[in-house]
Amino acid sequence: MHLLDAWQDWECPNCHLTDRSRPLPPGASRFHPCPALHGLTAPLVRAGSDCRVIAVERGDYLRNEHQRTGSDGKPYMGVQTLHADGRSDVAAFPAAAYISLSAR
């Protein structure tokens, strides 16, 4: 008796990192810190996918907010995957909440 052993291959279209895992549910993805996207956490796509993954800069004023920045020091609001068939997926980086504690 032979059992099937299924694997899913992943790749990054920017830094060309490859990975292999057990199949994930539909719509799920794997992520990695991508050196080609300024060290931001970016998705790996299924191997052979026709898509682009881009970093999306934050377009408004930060004021006192703490926002994730890339290795280039620019604030980024997310990473977008643009598929050849017109679909788009976004991994958003929300501003971080923080609190300042002072001893009395």
N, C-alpha and C. Protein backbone atom coordinates (compact mmCIF):
# COMPACT_ATOMS: atom_id res chain seq x y z
N MET A 1 0.85 -1.18 0.00
CA MET A 1 0.00 0.00 0.00
C MET A 1 0.89 1.24 0.00
N HIS A 2 0.60 2.18 -0.89
CA HIS A 2 1.37 3.41 -0.99
C HIS A 2 0.50 4.58 -0.54
N LEU A 3 1.06 5.43 0.30
CA LEU A 3 0.37 6.64 0.73
C LEU A 3 0.95 7.82 -0.04
N LEU A 4 0.08 8.74 -0.43
CA LEU A 4 0.55 9.93 -1.14
C LEU A 4 1.18 10.89 -0.14
N ASP A 5 2.27 11.51 -0.52
CA ASP A 5 2.96 12.47 0.32
C ASP A 5 2.92 13.81 -0.40
N ALA A 6 2.01 14.70 0.00
CA ALA A 6 1.79 15.97 -0.71
C ALA A 6 2.65 17.09 -0.14
N TRP A 7 3.17 17.93 -1.04
CA TRP A 7 3.97 19.10 -0.69
C TRP A 7 3.52 20.29 -1.51
N GLN A 8 3.71 21.48 -0.98
CA GLN A 8 3.42 22.72 -1.70
C GLN A 8 4.72 23.51 -1.79
N ASP A 9 5.07 23.94 -3.00
CA ASP A 9 6.28 24.76 -3.19
C ASP A 9 5.89 26.24 -3.18
N TRP A 10 6.74 27.04 -2.53
CA TRP A 10 6.52 28.49 -2.39
C TRP A 10 7.74 29.22 -2.92
N GLU A 11 7.52 30.49 -3.34
CA GLU A 11 8.63 31.31 -3.79
C GLU A 11 8.31 32.79 -3.57
N CYS A 12 9.36 33.59 -3.54
CA CYS A 12 9.20 35.05 -3.47
C CYS A 12 9.62 35.61 -4.82
N PRO A 13 8.73 36.35 -5.50
CA PRO A 13 9.08 36.90 -6.80
C PRO A 13 10.12 38.02 -6.72
N ASN A 14 10.40 38.52 -5.51
CA ASN A 14 11.36 39.62 -5.36
C ASN A 14 12.76 39.15 -4.99
N CYS A 15 12.88 38.34 -3.94
CA CYS A 15 14.21 37.90 -3.49
C CYS A 15 14.52 36.47 -3.90
N HIS A 16 13.56 35.81 -4.54
CA HIS A 16 13.73 34.45 -5.08
C HIS A 16 13.96 33.39 -4.01
N LEU A 17 13.53 33.64 -2.78
CA LEU A 17 13.56 32.64 -1.72
C LEU A 17 12.57 31.54 -2.09
N THR A 18 12.91 30.30 -1.84
CA THR A 18 11.98 29.19 -2.08
C THR A 18 11.80 28.42 -0.78
N ASP A 19 10.65 27.76 -0.66
CA ASP A 19 10.33 26.98 0.53
C ASP A 19 9.38 25.87 0.12
N ARG A 20 9.29 24.87 0.95
CA ARG A 20 8.38 23.75 0.69
C ARG A 20 7.69 23.42 2.01
N SER A 21 6.37 23.22 1.96
CA SER A 21 5.61 22.89 3.16
C SER A 21 4.50 21.90 2.82
N ARG A 22 3.86 21.42 3.82
CA ARG A 22 2.65 20.64 3.61
C ARG A 22 1.59 21.58 3.05
N PRO A 23 0.65 21.10 2.27
CA PRO A 23 -0.38 21.98 1.70
C PRO A 23 -1.15 22.74 2.79
N LEU A 24 -1.41 24.01 2.52
CA LEU A 24 -2.18 24.86 3.42
C LEU A 24 -3.60 24.99 2.89
N PRO A 25 -4.54 25.43 3.73
CA PRO A 25 -5.91 25.65 3.26
C PRO A 25 -5.94 26.70 2.14
N PRO A 26 -6.97 26.68 1.29
CA PRO A 26 -7.08 27.68 0.22
C PRO A 26 -7.06 29.09 0.80
N GLY A 27 -6.33 29.97 0.16
CA GLY A 27 -6.25 31.36 0.59
C GLY A 27 -5.18 31.61 1.64
N ALA A 28 -4.59 30.57 2.21
CA ALA A 28 -3.54 30.74 3.22
C ALA A 28 -2.21 30.98 2.53
N SER A 29 -1.28 31.59 3.24
CA SER A 29 0.03 31.86 2.67
C SER A 29 1.10 31.77 3.75
N ARG A 30 2.33 31.76 3.32
CA ARG A 30 3.48 31.78 4.23
C ARG A 30 4.16 33.14 4.06
N PHE A 31 4.82 33.62 5.12
CA PHE A 31 5.46 34.93 5.09
C PHE A 31 6.94 34.81 5.43
N HIS A 32 7.71 35.83 5.04
CA HIS A 32 9.13 35.89 5.34
C HIS A 32 9.59 37.34 5.36
N PRO A 33 10.67 37.67 6.07
CA PRO A 33 11.23 39.02 6.00
C PRO A 33 12.00 39.16 4.68
N CYS A 34 11.50 39.94 3.76
CA CYS A 34 12.05 40.01 2.40
C CYS A 34 13.12 41.10 2.28
N PRO A 35 14.36 40.71 2.01
CA PRO A 35 15.41 41.72 1.86
C PRO A 35 15.20 42.63 0.64
N ALA A 36 14.50 42.16 -0.37
CA ALA A 36 14.24 42.97 -1.56
C ALA A 36 13.14 44.00 -1.32
N LEU A 37 12.35 43.82 -0.25
CA LEU A 37 11.30 44.78 0.11
C LEU A 37 11.65 45.45 1.43
N HIS A 38 12.91 45.82 1.60
CA HIS A 38 13.39 46.58 2.75
C HIS A 38 13.21 45.85 4.08
N GLY A 39 13.22 44.52 4.06
CA GLY A 39 13.11 43.74 5.29
C GLY A 39 11.69 43.60 5.82
N LEU A 40 10.70 44.07 5.07
CA LEU A 40 9.30 43.96 5.50
C LEU A 40 8.84 42.51 5.43
N THR A 41 7.85 42.18 6.25
CA THR A 41 7.26 40.85 6.22
C THR A 41 6.39 40.75 4.98
N ALA A 42 6.76 39.86 4.07
CA ALA A 42 6.07 39.73 2.79
C ALA A 42 5.65 38.29 2.58
N PRO A 43 4.57 38.07 1.82
CA PRO A 43 4.12 36.70 1.58
C PRO A 43 4.97 35.97 0.55
N LEU A 44 5.09 34.69 0.75
CA LEU A 44 5.59 33.81 -0.30
C LEU A 44 4.36 33.42 -1.12
N VAL A 45 4.50 33.25 -2.41
CA VAL A 45 3.37 32.86 -3.26
C VAL A 45 3.59 31.44 -3.74
N ARG A 46 2.52 30.78 -4.13
CA ARG A 46 2.66 29.42 -4.65
C ARG A 46 3.58 29.44 -5.86
N ALA A 47 4.51 28.50 -5.93
CA ALA A 47 5.47 28.44 -7.02
C ALA A 47 4.75 28.42 -8.36
N GLY A 48 5.23 29.23 -9.29
CA GLY A 48 4.63 29.30 -10.62
C GLY A 48 3.53 30.32 -10.75
N SER A 49 3.18 31.02 -9.66
CA SER A 49 2.13 32.04 -9.71
C SER A 49 2.61 33.23 -10.54
N ASP A 50 1.69 33.80 -11.33
CA ASP A 50 2.00 34.98 -12.12
C ASP A 50 1.54 36.19 -11.32
N CYS A 51 2.44 36.77 -10.52
CA CYS A 51 2.07 37.90 -9.68
C CYS A 51 3.29 38.74 -9.33
N ARG A 52 3.02 39.92 -8.76
CA ARG A 52 4.06 40.81 -8.24
C ARG A 52 3.73 41.09 -6.79
N VAL A 53 4.76 41.25 -5.95
CA VAL A 53 4.58 41.64 -4.55
C VAL A 53 5.30 42.96 -4.37
N ILE A 54 4.56 44.00 -3.91
CA ILE A 54 5.14 45.33 -3.77
C ILE A 54 4.91 45.86 -2.36
N ALA A 55 5.82 46.72 -1.91
CA ALA A 55 5.67 47.41 -0.63
C ALA A 55 4.91 48.71 -0.89
N VAL A 56 3.94 49.01 -0.02
CA VAL A 56 3.11 50.21 -0.18
C VAL A 56 3.49 51.21 0.90
N GLU A 57 4.07 52.35 0.47
CA GLU A 57 4.47 53.39 1.42
C GLU A 57 3.24 54.07 2.01
N ARG A 58 3.39 54.50 3.24
CA ARG A 58 2.30 55.24 3.89
C ARG A 58 2.30 56.65 3.31
N GLY A 59 1.13 57.12 2.90
CA GLY A 59 1.03 58.39 2.20
C GLY A 59 0.61 59.57 3.04
N ASP A 60 0.34 59.38 4.33
CA ASP A 60 -0.09 60.50 5.14
C ASP A 60 0.96 60.85 6.19
N TYR A 61 0.68 61.90 6.95
CA TYR A 61 1.61 62.39 7.96
C TYR A 61 1.54 61.51 9.20
N LEU A 62 2.69 61.13 9.76
CA LEU A 62 2.72 60.24 10.91
C LEU A 62 2.44 60.93 12.24
N ARG A 63 2.84 62.15 12.38
CA ARG A 63 2.75 62.90 13.64
C ARG A 63 3.47 62.12 14.73
N ASN A 64 2.77 61.68 15.79
CA ASN A 64 3.42 60.96 16.89
C ASN A 64 3.21 59.45 16.80
N GLU A 65 2.67 58.96 15.71
CA GLU A 65 2.41 57.52 15.58
C GLU A 65 3.70 56.74 15.37
N HIS A 66 3.70 55.52 15.85
CA HIS A 66 4.81 54.61 15.60
C HIS A 66 4.36 53.66 14.50
N GLN A 67 5.05 53.70 13.38
CA GLN A 67 4.69 52.90 12.22
C GLN A 67 5.88 52.04 11.82
N ARG A 68 5.61 50.86 11.31
CA ARG A 68 6.67 49.98 10.83
C ARG A 68 7.42 50.67 9.70
N THR A 69 8.74 50.62 9.77
CA THR A 69 9.55 51.19 8.71
C THR A 69 10.41 50.09 8.10
N GLY A 70 10.79 50.31 6.87
CA GLY A 70 11.67 49.37 6.19
C GLY A 70 13.12 49.70 6.48
N SER A 71 14.02 48.94 5.93
CA SER A 71 15.44 49.18 6.14
C SER A 71 15.88 50.52 5.56
N ASP A 72 15.05 51.12 4.71
CA ASP A 72 15.36 52.42 4.14
C ASP A 72 14.83 53.57 5.00
N GLY A 73 14.18 53.24 6.14
CA GLY A 73 13.67 54.26 7.07
C GLY A 73 12.31 54.83 6.71
N LYS A 74 11.74 54.43 5.58
CA LYS A 74 10.43 54.95 5.17
C LYS A 74 9.32 54.15 5.85
N PRO A 75 8.21 54.82 6.22
CA PRO A 75 7.08 54.10 6.81
C PRO A 75 6.27 53.38 5.73
N TYR A 76 5.91 52.13 6.00
CA TYR A 76 5.13 51.34 5.05
C TYR A 76 3.81 50.93 5.69
N MET A 77 2.74 51.02 4.92
CA MET A 77 1.43 50.64 5.45
C MET A 77 1.05 49.21 5.09
N GLY A 78 1.83 48.56 4.24
CA GLY A 78 1.52 47.18 3.90
C GLY A 78 2.30 46.66 2.73
N VAL A 79 2.02 45.39 2.41
CA VAL A 79 2.60 44.72 1.26
C VAL A 79 1.43 44.20 0.43
N GLN A 80 1.45 44.47 -0.87
CA GLN A 80 0.35 44.10 -1.76
C GLN A 80 0.82 43.08 -2.79
N THR A 81 0.01 42.04 -2.98
CA THR A 81 0.27 41.04 -4.01
C THR A 81 -0.69 41.31 -5.17
N LEU A 82 -0.14 41.60 -6.34
CA LEU A 82 -0.94 41.90 -7.52
C LEU A 82 -0.88 40.68 -8.45
N HIS A 83 -2.02 40.01 -8.63
CA HIS A 83 -2.10 38.82 -9.47
C HIS A 83 -2.38 39.21 -10.91
N ALA A 84 -1.93 38.40 -11.85
CA ALA A 84 -2.10 38.68 -13.28
C ALA A 84 -3.57 38.73 -13.69
N ASP A 85 -4.45 38.02 -12.97
CA ASP A 85 -5.87 38.00 -13.33
C ASP A 85 -6.63 39.19 -12.75
N GLY A 86 -5.93 40.15 -12.12
CA GLY A 86 -6.57 41.35 -11.60
C GLY A 86 -6.86 41.31 -10.11
N ARG A 87 -6.74 40.15 -9.48
CA ARG A 87 -6.96 40.07 -8.03
C ARG A 87 -5.83 40.77 -7.30
N SER A 88 -6.12 41.16 -6.06
CA SER A 88 -5.11 41.82 -5.24
C SER A 88 -5.29 41.37 -3.79
N ASP A 89 -4.19 41.04 -3.12
CA ASP A 89 -4.20 40.69 -1.70
C ASP A 89 -3.32 41.69 -0.98
N VAL A 90 -3.70 42.07 0.25
CA VAL A 90 -2.93 43.04 1.02
C VAL A 90 -2.66 42.50 2.42
N ALA A 91 -1.42 42.64 2.87
CA ALA A 91 -1.05 42.40 4.26
C ALA A 91 -0.77 43.79 4.84
N ALA A 92 -1.64 44.27 5.72
CA ALA A 92 -1.53 45.63 6.26
C ALA A 92 -0.71 45.66 7.54
N PHE A 93 0.05 46.75 7.71
CA PHE A 93 0.82 46.98 8.92
C PHE A 93 0.19 48.15 9.66
N PRO A 94 -0.70 47.90 10.63
CA PRO A 94 -1.34 49.01 11.34
C PRO A 94 -0.34 49.73 12.24
N ALA A 95 -0.65 50.98 12.54
CA ALA A 95 0.18 51.74 13.47
C ALA A 95 0.15 51.06 14.83
N ALA A 96 1.23 51.13 15.55
CA ALA A 96 1.33 50.45 16.84
C ALA A 96 0.89 51.37 17.98
N ALA A 97 0.13 50.82 18.92
CA ALA A 97 -0.25 51.56 20.11
C ALA A 97 0.85 51.38 21.14
N TYR A 98 1.10 52.40 21.91
CA TYR A 98 2.12 52.31 22.95
C TYR A 98 1.69 53.13 24.14
N ILE A 99 2.31 52.86 25.26
CA ILE A 99 2.02 53.58 26.49
C ILE A 99 3.34 53.93 27.16
N SER A 100 3.40 55.07 27.75
CA SER A 100 4.61 55.50 28.45
C SER A 100 4.33 55.40 29.95
N LEU A 101 5.12 54.61 30.65
CA LEU A 101 4.97 54.45 32.10
C LEU A 101 6.08 55.23 32.79
N SER A 102 5.70 56.00 33.78
CA SER A 102 6.73 56.74 34.53
C SER A 102 6.58 56.42 36.01
N ALA A 103 7.71 56.27 36.68
CA ALA A 103 7.69 55.97 38.12
C ALA A 103 7.38 57.25 38.88
N ARG A 104 6.61 57.11 39.94
CA ARG A 104 6.25 58.28 40.76
C ARG A 104 7.02 58.29 42.02
